[in-house]
Amino acid sequence: MIVAMGAALALPAIPAQAGTAARAAGTAPATAARPAGAHGAAAVPAPGKVAQKLFRAWLRGDRAAAGRVAAPAAVKTLFAYAYRAPDEFRGCTGNACRFVHTSVRVPGGLNGVLMVVSGGTVAKVYTSRHLTSPGRAAQHLFRAWTKGDRNSGLEVATTGAVRTLFRARFGGVGYTYQGCFRAGGGLRCAYSYEGGAMLMHMGGGKARGYEVRSVGYIAD
């Protein structure tokens, strides 16, 4: 087709871009809403998801994968667990997530594994301990009390024993470890102090591990 000189060539119109059209109309183009406080940063995973990632890595024996979601000390503690793996995820209370045994009896009120999650990483792991001497179990509980760490106490002592001991804060009295002895048909470990003594009543044995079943006090 021949077009006359000076005439405009008729071309198909190109659709205007949405942003251009909006600006032409005097309005800003629509954009996707950003969640408040997100600022483009990746969301921190829920504590339960982090804890279960570490647990699955442990079941596979995969230390490298475990190290990607947990502190080195936490990985070391978990991979040293003496008993078979807990069989139930009990959920999380705040940032503390528990895996418990339902088919086997282990020492202490912790009854398995507790993971403390911080900032998307398992920062600390507590586990039921397999201690083959009553004195080690008693001293573990005593140290936990001096630090105010109930979870550490539950690694080797029943919930009732920990509750009794932690009713008072450590301090103000000098304690001396007196060892363990049999009395009244049971096994006890003692700490003496001026004016009396604290007795830890022990249970368990070498095969399963010792635990502190209860705590009592006597006065001079």
N, C-alpha and C. Protein backbone atom coordinates (compact mmCIF):
# COMPACT_ATOMS: atom_id res chain seq x y z
N MET A 1 0.86 -1.19 0.00
CA MET A 1 0.00 0.00 0.00
C MET A 1 0.89 1.23 0.00
N ILE A 2 0.51 2.23 -0.80
CA ILE A 2 1.28 3.48 -0.89
C ILE A 2 0.63 4.51 0.00
N VAL A 3 1.47 5.13 0.86
CA VAL A 3 0.96 6.16 1.77
C VAL A 3 1.41 7.50 1.27
N ALA A 4 0.52 8.44 1.27
CA ALA A 4 0.85 9.78 0.76
C ALA A 4 1.86 10.43 1.65
N MET A 5 2.77 11.17 1.05
CA MET A 5 3.80 11.88 1.79
C MET A 5 3.15 12.85 2.75
N GLY A 6 3.73 12.92 3.96
CA GLY A 6 3.23 13.86 4.96
C GLY A 6 2.12 13.29 5.79
N ALA A 7 1.56 12.13 5.41
CA ALA A 7 0.49 11.53 6.21
C ALA A 7 1.11 10.70 7.30
N ALA A 8 0.48 10.64 8.47
CA ALA A 8 0.98 9.86 9.59
C ALA A 8 0.66 8.41 9.38
N LEU A 9 1.66 7.53 9.70
CA LEU A 9 1.45 6.09 9.58
C LEU A 9 0.63 5.62 10.77
N ALA A 10 -0.50 5.00 10.51
CA ALA A 10 -1.38 4.54 11.59
C ALA A 10 -0.85 3.23 12.14
N LEU A 11 -0.45 3.18 13.45
CA LEU A 11 0.05 1.98 14.13
C LEU A 11 -0.90 1.59 15.25
N PRO A 12 -0.94 0.30 15.58
CA PRO A 12 -1.79 -0.13 16.70
C PRO A 12 -1.35 0.55 17.99
N ALA A 13 -2.29 0.95 18.81
CA ALA A 13 -1.97 1.62 20.07
C ALA A 13 -1.35 0.62 21.04
N ILE A 14 -0.28 1.01 21.79
CA ILE A 14 0.36 0.17 22.80
C ILE A 14 -0.32 0.43 24.14
N PRO A 15 -0.84 -0.60 24.80
CA PRO A 15 -1.53 -0.39 26.08
C PRO A 15 -0.59 0.28 27.07
N ALA A 16 -1.08 1.27 27.79
CA ALA A 16 -0.26 1.96 28.79
C ALA A 16 0.00 1.03 29.96
N GLN A 17 1.24 1.09 30.55
CA GLN A 17 1.55 0.32 31.75
C GLN A 17 0.69 0.80 32.90
N ALA A 18 0.39 -0.13 33.82
CA ALA A 18 -0.52 0.20 34.92
C ALA A 18 -0.03 1.38 35.71
N GLY A 19 1.29 1.40 36.00
CA GLY A 19 1.84 2.50 36.79
C GLY A 19 1.73 3.81 36.05
N THR A 20 2.00 3.77 34.74
CA THR A 20 1.92 4.99 33.94
C THR A 20 0.50 5.52 33.91
N ALA A 21 -0.44 4.58 33.75
CA ALA A 21 -1.85 4.98 33.70
C ALA A 21 -2.27 5.59 35.02
N ALA A 22 -1.80 5.02 36.10
CA ALA A 22 -2.19 5.53 37.41
C ALA A 22 -1.62 6.91 37.63
N ARG A 23 -0.35 7.11 37.21
CA ARG A 23 0.25 8.43 37.39
C ARG A 23 -0.46 9.46 36.53
N ALA A 24 -0.87 9.02 35.32
CA ALA A 24 -1.57 9.95 34.44
C ALA A 24 -2.89 10.37 35.06
N ALA A 25 -3.48 9.48 35.82
CA ALA A 25 -4.76 9.79 36.46
C ALA A 25 -4.56 10.54 37.77
N GLY A 26 -3.27 10.73 38.14
CA GLY A 26 -3.01 11.48 39.37
C GLY A 26 -3.00 10.61 40.61
N THR A 27 -2.93 9.26 40.46
CA THR A 27 -2.91 8.37 41.62
C THR A 27 -1.68 7.49 41.54
N ALA A 28 -1.21 6.99 42.68
CA ALA A 28 -0.03 6.12 42.72
C ALA A 28 -0.44 4.70 42.37
N PRO A 29 0.47 3.93 41.72
CA PRO A 29 0.16 2.54 41.40
C PRO A 29 0.00 1.72 42.67
N ALA A 30 -0.88 0.72 42.61
CA ALA A 30 -1.11 -0.13 43.77
C ALA A 30 0.10 -1.02 44.00
N THR A 31 0.49 -1.22 45.27
CA THR A 31 1.60 -2.11 45.62
C THR A 31 1.13 -3.08 46.68
N ALA A 32 1.80 -4.24 46.76
CA ALA A 32 1.43 -5.24 47.76
C ALA A 32 1.74 -4.73 49.15
N ALA A 33 0.83 -4.97 50.07
CA ALA A 33 1.03 -4.51 51.44
C ALA A 33 2.12 -5.32 52.11
N ARG A 34 3.01 -4.68 52.88
CA ARG A 34 4.08 -5.35 53.60
C ARG A 34 3.67 -5.50 55.05
N PRO A 35 3.83 -6.68 55.60
CA PRO A 35 3.46 -6.85 57.01
C PRO A 35 4.19 -5.86 57.89
N ALA A 36 3.48 -5.34 58.88
CA ALA A 36 4.08 -4.36 59.78
C ALA A 36 5.28 -4.96 60.48
N GLY A 37 6.38 -4.21 60.49
CA GLY A 37 7.58 -4.63 61.20
C GLY A 37 8.44 -5.61 60.44
N ALA A 38 8.02 -6.00 59.22
CA ALA A 38 8.79 -7.02 58.50
C ALA A 38 10.10 -6.45 57.97
N HIS A 39 10.05 -5.25 57.36
CA HIS A 39 11.23 -4.58 56.82
C HIS A 39 12.02 -5.49 55.90
N GLY A 40 11.36 -6.45 55.27
CA GLY A 40 12.03 -7.31 54.31
C GLY A 40 12.84 -8.43 54.93
N ALA A 41 12.91 -8.53 56.27
CA ALA A 41 13.72 -9.56 56.92
C ALA A 41 12.95 -10.87 56.98
N ALA A 42 13.69 -11.98 56.92
CA ALA A 42 13.07 -13.30 57.00
C ALA A 42 12.51 -13.52 58.40
N ALA A 43 11.34 -14.14 58.47
CA ALA A 43 10.71 -14.38 59.76
C ALA A 43 11.49 -15.46 60.52
N VAL A 44 11.58 -15.30 61.84
CA VAL A 44 12.24 -16.30 62.68
C VAL A 44 11.29 -17.48 62.84
N PRO A 45 11.75 -18.71 62.59
CA PRO A 45 10.87 -19.87 62.70
C PRO A 45 10.40 -20.09 64.13
N ALA A 46 9.24 -20.71 64.27
CA ALA A 46 8.69 -20.99 65.59
C ALA A 46 9.60 -21.95 66.34
N PRO A 47 9.68 -21.83 67.68
CA PRO A 47 10.55 -22.70 68.47
C PRO A 47 10.32 -24.19 68.20
N GLY A 48 9.05 -24.59 68.05
CA GLY A 48 8.75 -25.99 67.83
C GLY A 48 9.36 -26.53 66.54
N LYS A 49 9.35 -25.72 65.49
CA LYS A 49 9.92 -26.16 64.21
C LYS A 49 11.44 -26.32 64.32
N VAL A 50 12.07 -25.39 65.03
CA VAL A 50 13.53 -25.47 65.20
C VAL A 50 13.89 -26.71 66.02
N ALA A 51 13.16 -26.92 67.11
CA ALA A 51 13.44 -28.07 67.98
C ALA A 51 13.26 -29.39 67.23
N GLN A 52 12.22 -29.48 66.42
CA GLN A 52 11.98 -30.73 65.69
C GLN A 52 13.01 -30.96 64.59
N LYS A 53 13.55 -29.90 64.02
CA LYS A 53 14.64 -30.05 63.04
C LYS A 53 15.86 -30.67 63.71
N LEU A 54 16.19 -30.17 64.90
CA LEU A 54 17.33 -30.72 65.63
C LEU A 54 17.06 -32.17 66.02
N PHE A 55 15.86 -32.45 66.47
CA PHE A 55 15.51 -33.81 66.89
C PHE A 55 15.64 -34.79 65.73
N ARG A 56 15.15 -34.40 64.56
CA ARG A 56 15.23 -35.29 63.39
C ARG A 56 16.68 -35.50 62.96
N ALA A 57 17.49 -34.44 63.04
CA ALA A 57 18.91 -34.57 62.69
C ALA A 57 19.59 -35.55 63.64
N TRP A 58 19.23 -35.48 64.92
CA TRP A 58 19.79 -36.41 65.91
C TRP A 58 19.39 -37.85 65.61
N LEU A 59 18.13 -38.06 65.27
CA LEU A 59 17.67 -39.42 64.96
C LEU A 59 18.44 -40.00 63.77
N ARG A 60 18.81 -39.14 62.81
CA ARG A 60 19.57 -39.60 61.64
C ARG A 60 21.06 -39.73 61.94
N GLY A 61 21.48 -39.23 63.09
CA GLY A 61 22.91 -39.21 63.39
C GLY A 61 23.66 -38.18 62.58
N ASP A 62 22.98 -37.13 62.16
CA ASP A 62 23.55 -36.11 61.27
C ASP A 62 23.99 -34.90 62.08
N ARG A 63 25.24 -34.90 62.51
CA ARG A 63 25.76 -33.79 63.32
C ARG A 63 25.85 -32.48 62.52
N ALA A 64 26.14 -32.59 61.23
CA ALA A 64 26.25 -31.39 60.41
C ALA A 64 24.91 -30.66 60.35
N ALA A 65 23.83 -31.40 60.10
CA ALA A 65 22.50 -30.80 60.06
C ALA A 65 22.11 -30.25 61.43
N ALA A 66 22.48 -30.97 62.48
CA ALA A 66 22.19 -30.51 63.83
C ALA A 66 22.90 -29.19 64.12
N GLY A 67 24.13 -29.07 63.64
CA GLY A 67 24.91 -27.87 63.87
C GLY A 67 24.36 -26.64 63.17
N ARG A 68 23.51 -26.85 62.17
CA ARG A 68 22.92 -25.71 61.46
C ARG A 68 21.76 -25.10 62.23
N VAL A 69 21.23 -25.80 63.22
CA VAL A 69 20.08 -25.28 63.96
C VAL A 69 20.32 -25.23 65.47
N ALA A 70 21.54 -25.56 65.91
CA ALA A 70 21.81 -25.60 67.35
C ALA A 70 23.24 -25.19 67.66
N ALA A 71 23.42 -24.67 68.87
CA ALA A 71 24.75 -24.31 69.35
C ALA A 71 25.59 -25.57 69.54
N PRO A 72 26.91 -25.48 69.40
CA PRO A 72 27.77 -26.67 69.53
C PRO A 72 27.57 -27.43 70.84
N ALA A 73 27.44 -26.71 71.96
CA ALA A 73 27.25 -27.38 73.25
C ALA A 73 25.92 -28.13 73.29
N ALA A 74 24.88 -27.55 72.65
CA ALA A 74 23.58 -28.21 72.61
C ALA A 74 23.65 -29.50 71.80
N VAL A 75 24.36 -29.46 70.67
CA VAL A 75 24.53 -30.65 69.84
C VAL A 75 25.28 -31.73 70.62
N LYS A 76 26.34 -31.34 71.30
CA LYS A 76 27.14 -32.29 72.07
C LYS A 76 26.31 -32.97 73.15
N THR A 77 25.50 -32.19 73.86
CA THR A 77 24.66 -32.75 74.92
C THR A 77 23.65 -33.74 74.36
N LEU A 78 22.98 -33.37 73.28
CA LEU A 78 21.95 -34.24 72.71
C LEU A 78 22.54 -35.54 72.18
N PHE A 79 23.68 -35.46 71.49
CA PHE A 79 24.28 -36.65 70.90
C PHE A 79 24.92 -37.56 71.95
N ALA A 80 25.02 -37.09 73.19
CA ALA A 80 25.54 -37.92 74.28
C ALA A 80 24.41 -38.57 75.09
N TYR A 81 23.17 -38.40 74.66
CA TYR A 81 22.03 -38.93 75.41
C TYR A 81 22.14 -40.44 75.56
N ALA A 82 22.01 -40.92 76.80
CA ALA A 82 22.29 -42.33 77.10
C ALA A 82 21.12 -43.26 76.81
N TYR A 83 19.92 -42.73 76.75
CA TYR A 83 18.74 -43.57 76.58
C TYR A 83 18.25 -43.53 75.14
N ARG A 84 17.31 -44.39 74.82
CA ARG A 84 16.75 -44.35 73.47
C ARG A 84 15.95 -43.05 73.29
N ALA A 85 15.65 -42.73 72.07
CA ALA A 85 15.00 -41.45 71.78
C ALA A 85 13.61 -41.38 72.39
N PRO A 86 13.24 -40.24 72.96
CA PRO A 86 11.86 -40.05 73.42
C PRO A 86 10.88 -40.25 72.26
N ASP A 87 9.67 -40.70 72.58
CA ASP A 87 8.73 -41.06 71.52
C ASP A 87 7.55 -40.10 71.38
N GLU A 88 7.58 -38.97 72.08
CA GLU A 88 6.46 -38.03 71.93
C GLU A 88 6.95 -36.59 72.04
N PHE A 89 6.51 -35.75 71.09
CA PHE A 89 6.78 -34.32 71.17
C PHE A 89 5.65 -33.70 71.98
N ARG A 90 6.00 -33.13 73.13
CA ARG A 90 4.99 -32.60 74.05
C ARG A 90 4.66 -31.13 73.77
N GLY A 91 5.33 -30.52 72.80
CA GLY A 91 5.06 -29.13 72.48
C GLY A 91 6.01 -28.18 73.20
N CYS A 92 5.71 -26.88 73.10
CA CYS A 92 6.59 -25.86 73.68
C CYS A 92 5.82 -24.98 74.65
N THR A 93 6.49 -24.59 75.71
CA THR A 93 5.99 -23.57 76.63
C THR A 93 6.92 -22.39 76.47
N GLY A 94 6.44 -21.35 75.80
CA GLY A 94 7.34 -20.25 75.45
C GLY A 94 8.38 -20.76 74.47
N ASN A 95 9.64 -20.65 74.84
CA ASN A 95 10.72 -21.10 73.95
C ASN A 95 11.35 -22.41 74.41
N ALA A 96 10.70 -23.11 75.35
CA ALA A 96 11.21 -24.39 75.86
C ALA A 96 10.35 -25.52 75.31
N CYS A 97 10.96 -26.42 74.54
CA CYS A 97 10.24 -27.49 73.85
C CYS A 97 10.66 -28.85 74.40
N ARG A 98 9.67 -29.74 74.62
CA ARG A 98 9.94 -31.01 75.28
C ARG A 98 9.63 -32.21 74.40
N PHE A 99 10.50 -33.21 74.51
CA PHE A 99 10.30 -34.53 73.91
C PHE A 99 10.36 -35.52 75.06
N VAL A 100 9.30 -36.31 75.25
CA VAL A 100 9.21 -37.15 76.45
C VAL A 100 9.07 -38.63 76.11
N HIS A 101 9.40 -39.45 77.12
CA HIS A 101 9.23 -40.89 77.01
C HIS A 101 7.84 -41.27 77.49
N THR A 102 7.21 -42.19 76.79
CA THR A 102 5.91 -42.71 77.22
C THR A 102 5.96 -44.21 77.44
N SER A 103 7.06 -44.85 77.06
CA SER A 103 7.12 -46.31 77.16
C SER A 103 8.34 -46.82 77.92
N VAL A 104 9.13 -45.92 78.50
CA VAL A 104 10.30 -46.33 79.26
C VAL A 104 10.48 -45.35 80.41
N ARG A 105 10.96 -45.84 81.54
CA ARG A 105 11.17 -45.00 82.73
C ARG A 105 12.62 -44.57 82.79
N VAL A 106 12.85 -43.27 82.87
CA VAL A 106 14.21 -42.74 82.98
C VAL A 106 14.29 -41.87 84.24
N PRO A 107 15.48 -41.65 84.78
CA PRO A 107 15.61 -40.85 86.01
C PRO A 107 15.19 -39.40 85.80
N GLY A 108 14.69 -38.79 86.88
CA GLY A 108 14.41 -37.36 86.88
C GLY A 108 13.05 -36.99 86.33
N GLY A 109 12.60 -35.81 86.73
CA GLY A 109 11.30 -35.32 86.29
C GLY A 109 11.28 -34.77 84.89
N LEU A 110 12.44 -34.58 84.29
CA LEU A 110 12.48 -34.07 82.91
C LEU A 110 11.89 -35.09 81.95
N ASN A 111 12.16 -36.37 82.21
CA ASN A 111 11.58 -37.48 81.44
C ASN A 111 11.87 -37.38 79.94
N GLY A 112 13.13 -37.08 79.60
CA GLY A 112 13.48 -37.02 78.19
C GLY A 112 14.39 -35.87 77.87
N VAL A 113 13.97 -35.05 76.90
CA VAL A 113 14.81 -33.97 76.38
C VAL A 113 14.04 -32.65 76.38
N LEU A 114 14.69 -31.59 76.82
CA LEU A 114 14.12 -30.25 76.76
C LEU A 114 15.08 -29.35 75.99
N MET A 115 14.57 -28.65 74.99
CA MET A 115 15.39 -27.76 74.17
C MET A 115 14.94 -26.32 74.38
N VAL A 116 15.90 -25.45 74.65
CA VAL A 116 15.63 -24.02 74.81
C VAL A 116 16.03 -23.31 73.52
N VAL A 117 15.06 -22.70 72.85
CA VAL A 117 15.28 -22.08 71.54
C VAL A 117 15.38 -20.57 71.69
N SER A 118 16.37 -19.99 71.01
CA SER A 118 16.56 -18.53 71.05
C SER A 118 16.96 -18.03 69.68
N GLY A 119 16.16 -17.13 69.11
CA GLY A 119 16.50 -16.54 67.82
C GLY A 119 16.63 -17.53 66.68
N GLY A 120 15.81 -18.57 66.67
CA GLY A 120 15.85 -19.54 65.58
C GLY A 120 16.91 -20.61 65.74
N THR A 121 17.53 -20.69 66.93
CA THR A 121 18.58 -21.68 67.19
C THR A 121 18.33 -22.34 68.54
N VAL A 122 18.61 -23.64 68.64
CA VAL A 122 18.54 -24.30 69.94
C VAL A 122 19.80 -23.91 70.71
N ALA A 123 19.61 -23.10 71.74
CA ALA A 123 20.75 -22.56 72.49
C ALA A 123 21.24 -23.52 73.57
N LYS A 124 20.32 -24.32 74.13
CA LYS A 124 20.69 -25.22 75.23
C LYS A 124 19.79 -26.44 75.22
N VAL A 125 20.36 -27.58 75.60
CA VAL A 125 19.61 -28.83 75.69
C VAL A 125 19.79 -29.41 77.08
N TYR A 126 18.67 -29.80 77.69
CA TYR A 126 18.68 -30.54 78.96
C TYR A 126 18.21 -31.96 78.68
N THR A 127 18.81 -32.95 79.35
CA THR A 127 18.41 -34.34 79.13
C THR A 127 18.36 -35.10 80.45
N SER A 128 17.56 -36.15 80.49
CA SER A 128 17.60 -37.07 81.62
C SER A 128 18.99 -37.68 81.67
N ARG A 129 19.60 -37.68 82.86
CA ARG A 129 20.99 -38.11 82.99
C ARG A 129 21.09 -39.55 83.48
N HIS A 130 22.08 -40.25 82.95
CA HIS A 130 22.38 -41.61 83.41
C HIS A 130 23.64 -41.53 84.27
N LEU A 131 23.44 -41.36 85.58
CA LEU A 131 24.55 -41.25 86.52
C LEU A 131 24.63 -42.53 87.34
N THR A 132 25.80 -43.15 87.34
CA THR A 132 25.94 -44.49 87.93
C THR A 132 26.36 -44.49 89.39
N SER A 133 26.42 -43.32 90.01
CA SER A 133 26.68 -43.27 91.46
C SER A 133 25.70 -42.30 92.09
N PRO A 134 25.19 -42.62 93.29
CA PRO A 134 24.22 -41.72 93.93
C PRO A 134 24.81 -40.37 94.27
N GLY A 135 26.11 -40.35 94.61
CA GLY A 135 26.74 -39.09 94.95
C GLY A 135 26.76 -38.11 93.80
N ARG A 136 27.00 -38.60 92.59
CA ARG A 136 27.02 -37.72 91.42
C ARG A 136 25.64 -37.12 91.17
N ALA A 137 24.60 -37.91 91.37
CA ALA A 137 23.24 -37.40 91.18
C ALA A 137 22.92 -36.33 92.22
N ALA A 138 23.30 -36.59 93.48
CA ALA A 138 23.03 -35.63 94.55
C ALA A 138 23.78 -34.32 94.30
N GLN A 139 25.03 -34.42 93.89
CA GLN A 139 25.83 -33.21 93.66
C GLN A 139 25.35 -32.44 92.42
N HIS A 140 24.86 -33.16 91.43
CA HIS A 140 24.30 -32.49 90.25
C HIS A 140 23.10 -31.64 90.66
N LEU A 141 22.21 -32.21 91.48
CA LEU A 141 21.05 -31.46 91.94
C LEU A 141 21.47 -30.27 92.78
N PHE A 142 22.44 -30.47 93.65
CA PHE A 142 22.90 -29.37 94.50
C PHE A 142 23.46 -28.22 93.66
N ARG A 143 24.27 -28.54 92.65
CA ARG A 143 24.84 -27.49 91.78
C ARG A 143 23.74 -26.75 91.03
N ALA A 144 22.72 -27.50 90.58
CA ALA A 144 21.61 -26.86 89.88
C ALA A 144 20.91 -25.86 90.79
N TRP A 145 20.78 -26.22 92.06
CA TRP A 145 20.14 -25.33 93.03
C TRP A 145 20.97 -24.06 93.24
N THR A 146 22.30 -24.22 93.34
CA THR A 146 23.15 -23.04 93.55
C THR A 146 23.06 -22.08 92.37
N LYS A 147 22.75 -22.60 91.18
CA LYS A 147 22.64 -21.77 89.98
C LYS A 147 21.22 -21.29 89.72
N GLY A 148 20.27 -21.79 90.51
CA GLY A 148 18.87 -21.43 90.28
C GLY A 148 18.31 -22.03 89.00
N ASP A 149 18.84 -23.19 88.59
CA ASP A 149 18.47 -23.81 87.31
C ASP A 149 17.60 -25.04 87.56
N ARG A 150 16.29 -24.86 87.54
CA ARG A 150 15.37 -25.96 87.81
C ARG A 150 15.45 -27.06 86.75
N ASN A 151 15.60 -26.67 85.50
CA ASN A 151 15.67 -27.68 84.44
C ASN A 151 16.86 -28.62 84.64
N SER A 152 17.98 -28.06 85.05
CA SER A 152 19.15 -28.89 85.34
C SER A 152 18.85 -29.84 86.50
N GLY A 153 18.14 -29.35 87.50
CA GLY A 153 17.77 -30.20 88.63
C GLY A 153 16.87 -31.35 88.20
N LEU A 154 15.95 -31.08 87.28
CA LEU A 154 15.03 -32.11 86.81
C LEU A 154 15.72 -33.19 85.98
N GLU A 155 16.95 -32.95 85.57
CA GLU A 155 17.70 -33.99 84.85
C GLU A 155 17.98 -35.19 85.74
N VAL A 156 18.05 -34.97 87.07
CA VAL A 156 18.45 -36.05 87.99
C VAL A 156 17.52 -36.20 89.19
N ALA A 157 16.46 -35.40 89.26
CA ALA A 157 15.60 -35.44 90.44
C ALA A 157 14.13 -35.36 90.04
N THR A 158 13.28 -35.91 90.88
CA THR A 158 11.85 -35.87 90.61
C THR A 158 11.33 -34.44 90.73
N THR A 159 10.15 -34.22 90.18
CA THR A 159 9.53 -32.90 90.25
C THR A 159 9.33 -32.47 91.70
N GLY A 160 8.91 -33.42 92.55
CA GLY A 160 8.69 -33.10 93.96
C GLY A 160 9.97 -32.72 94.68
N ALA A 161 11.06 -33.43 94.40
CA ALA A 161 12.34 -33.11 95.04
C ALA A 161 12.82 -31.72 94.63
N VAL A 162 12.70 -31.41 93.35
CA VAL A 162 13.12 -30.09 92.86
C VAL A 162 12.25 -29.00 93.47
N ARG A 163 10.96 -29.24 93.55
CA ARG A 163 10.06 -28.24 94.13
C ARG A 163 10.43 -27.96 95.58
N THR A 164 10.71 -29.01 96.35
CA THR A 164 11.08 -28.82 97.76
C THR A 164 12.37 -28.04 97.90
N LEU A 165 13.39 -28.42 97.15
CA LEU A 165 14.70 -27.78 97.27
C LEU A 165 14.67 -26.33 96.83
N PHE A 166 13.93 -26.04 95.76
CA PHE A 166 13.93 -24.69 95.19
C PHE A 166 12.95 -23.74 95.89
N ARG A 167 12.30 -24.21 96.95
CA ARG A 167 11.45 -23.29 97.71
C ARG A 167 12.28 -22.16 98.33
N ALA A 168 13.52 -22.47 98.63
CA ALA A 168 14.43 -21.46 99.19
C ALA A 168 15.57 -21.22 98.21
N ARG A 169 16.06 -20.00 98.17
CA ARG A 169 17.21 -19.68 97.34
C ARG A 169 18.49 -20.12 98.05
N PHE A 170 19.45 -20.55 97.25
CA PHE A 170 20.75 -20.89 97.82
C PHE A 170 21.45 -19.62 98.28
N GLY A 171 22.15 -19.74 99.41
CA GLY A 171 22.93 -18.60 99.88
C GLY A 171 22.74 -18.37 101.36
N GLY A 172 23.76 -17.81 101.97
CA GLY A 172 23.67 -17.45 103.38
C GLY A 172 24.11 -18.53 104.35
N VAL A 173 24.17 -19.77 103.88
CA VAL A 173 24.55 -20.89 104.75
C VAL A 173 25.63 -21.70 104.06
N GLY A 174 26.66 -22.10 104.80
CA GLY A 174 27.70 -22.94 104.23
C GLY A 174 27.30 -24.41 104.27
N TYR A 175 27.33 -25.08 103.13
CA TYR A 175 26.96 -26.49 103.05
C TYR A 175 28.21 -27.34 102.84
N THR A 176 28.25 -28.49 103.51
CA THR A 176 29.36 -29.43 103.37
C THR A 176 28.81 -30.78 102.94
N TYR A 177 29.31 -31.29 101.84
CA TYR A 177 28.85 -32.59 101.35
C TYR A 177 29.40 -33.69 102.24
N GLN A 178 28.52 -34.56 102.73
CA GLN A 178 28.90 -35.61 103.67
C GLN A 178 28.89 -37.01 103.05
N GLY A 179 28.59 -37.10 101.76
CA GLY A 179 28.58 -38.41 101.12
C GLY A 179 27.22 -39.09 101.22
N CYS A 180 27.21 -40.37 100.85
CA CYS A 180 25.96 -41.14 100.82
C CYS A 180 26.07 -42.35 101.75
N PHE A 181 24.94 -42.77 102.28
CA PHE A 181 24.93 -43.88 103.24
C PHE A 181 23.54 -44.52 103.23
N ARG A 182 23.49 -45.74 103.74
CA ARG A 182 22.21 -46.44 103.85
C ARG A 182 21.66 -46.25 105.26
N ALA A 183 20.36 -45.94 105.31
CA ALA A 183 19.70 -45.74 106.60
C ALA A 183 18.21 -45.95 106.42
N GLY A 184 17.60 -46.66 107.38
CA GLY A 184 16.16 -46.88 107.33
C GLY A 184 15.71 -47.63 106.10
N GLY A 185 16.56 -48.51 105.59
CA GLY A 185 16.19 -49.30 104.43
C GLY A 185 16.33 -48.57 103.11
N GLY A 186 16.90 -47.37 103.13
CA GLY A 186 17.06 -46.61 101.90
C GLY A 186 18.44 -46.00 101.77
N LEU A 187 18.68 -45.36 100.66
CA LEU A 187 19.97 -44.73 100.37
C LEU A 187 19.80 -43.22 100.43
N ARG A 188 20.67 -42.56 101.18
CA ARG A 188 20.58 -41.11 101.34
C ARG A 188 21.94 -40.46 101.11
N CYS A 189 21.90 -39.23 100.62
CA CYS A 189 23.10 -38.42 100.49
C CYS A 189 22.85 -37.13 101.27
N ALA A 190 23.88 -36.66 101.98
CA ALA A 190 23.65 -35.56 102.92
C ALA A 190 24.57 -34.37 102.69
N TYR A 191 24.02 -33.20 102.97
CA TYR A 191 24.77 -31.95 103.06
C TYR A 191 24.51 -31.38 104.45
N SER A 192 25.58 -31.13 105.20
CA SER A 192 25.41 -30.55 106.53
C SER A 192 25.63 -29.05 106.48
N TYR A 193 25.04 -28.36 107.42
CA TYR A 193 25.23 -26.92 107.59
C TYR A 193 25.05 -26.61 109.06
N GLU A 194 25.43 -25.43 109.46
CA GLU A 194 25.34 -25.08 110.87
C GLU A 194 23.88 -25.14 111.34
N GLY A 195 23.63 -26.03 112.28
CA GLY A 195 22.28 -26.16 112.83
C GLY A 195 21.47 -27.29 112.25
N GLY A 196 22.00 -28.02 111.26
CA GLY A 196 21.21 -29.11 110.70
C GLY A 196 21.83 -29.74 109.47
N ALA A 197 21.00 -30.44 108.72
CA ALA A 197 21.48 -31.11 107.51
C ALA A 197 20.34 -31.28 106.52
N MET A 198 20.72 -31.36 105.26
CA MET A 198 19.77 -31.64 104.18
C MET A 198 20.02 -33.06 103.70
N LEU A 199 18.95 -33.86 103.63
CA LEU A 199 19.07 -35.25 103.20
C LEU A 199 18.37 -35.44 101.86
N MET A 200 19.09 -36.02 100.92
CA MET A 200 18.50 -36.37 99.63
C MET A 200 18.27 -37.87 99.60
N HIS A 201 17.02 -38.26 99.44
CA HIS A 201 16.65 -39.68 99.41
C HIS A 201 16.75 -40.17 97.97
N MET A 202 17.58 -41.19 97.77
CA MET A 202 17.93 -41.62 96.43
C MET A 202 17.12 -42.84 95.98
N GLY A 203 17.01 -42.98 94.67
CA GLY A 203 16.38 -44.15 94.07
C GLY A 203 17.12 -44.53 92.81
N GLY A 204 16.73 -45.65 92.21
CA GLY A 204 17.38 -46.11 90.99
C GLY A 204 18.56 -47.01 91.29
N GLY A 205 19.48 -47.11 90.34
CA GLY A 205 20.64 -47.96 90.49
C GLY A 205 21.61 -47.74 89.35
N LYS A 206 22.69 -48.53 89.34
CA LYS A 206 23.72 -48.34 88.32
C LYS A 206 23.20 -48.59 86.91
N ALA A 207 22.37 -49.61 86.75
CA ALA A 207 21.91 -49.96 85.41
C ALA A 207 21.02 -48.87 84.80
N ARG A 208 20.06 -48.40 85.55
CA ARG A 208 19.12 -47.40 85.04
C ARG A 208 19.59 -45.98 85.30
N GLY A 209 20.43 -45.82 86.33
CA GLY A 209 20.87 -44.50 86.74
C GLY A 209 20.20 -44.09 88.04
N TYR A 210 20.91 -43.34 88.87
CA TYR A 210 20.37 -42.87 90.15
C TYR A 210 19.63 -41.55 89.97
N GLU A 211 18.66 -41.32 90.86
CA GLU A 211 17.93 -40.06 90.88
C GLU A 211 17.63 -39.67 92.33
N VAL A 212 17.38 -38.39 92.55
CA VAL A 212 16.95 -37.91 93.87
C VAL A 212 15.43 -37.97 93.89
N ARG A 213 14.89 -38.79 94.79
CA ARG A 213 13.43 -38.97 94.84
C ARG A 213 12.76 -37.92 95.72
N SER A 214 13.43 -37.54 96.81
CA SER A 214 12.84 -36.53 97.70
C SER A 214 13.95 -35.85 98.49
N VAL A 215 13.62 -34.70 99.07
CA VAL A 215 14.57 -33.92 99.87
C VAL A 215 13.94 -33.63 101.22
N GLY A 216 14.72 -33.84 102.29
CA GLY A 216 14.23 -33.55 103.64
C GLY A 216 15.31 -32.85 104.46
N TYR A 217 14.92 -32.39 105.65
CA TYR A 217 15.85 -31.63 106.49
C TYR A 217 15.75 -32.12 107.93
N ILE A 218 16.87 -32.07 108.65
CA ILE A 218 16.88 -32.39 110.07
C ILE A 218 17.62 -31.28 110.79
N ALA A 219 17.24 -31.05 112.04
CA ALA A 219 17.90 -30.03 112.86
C ALA A 219 18.75 -30.71 113.92
N ASP A 220 19.86 -30.08 114.28
CA ASP A 220 20.72 -30.62 115.34
C ASP A 220 20.01 -30.56 116.69
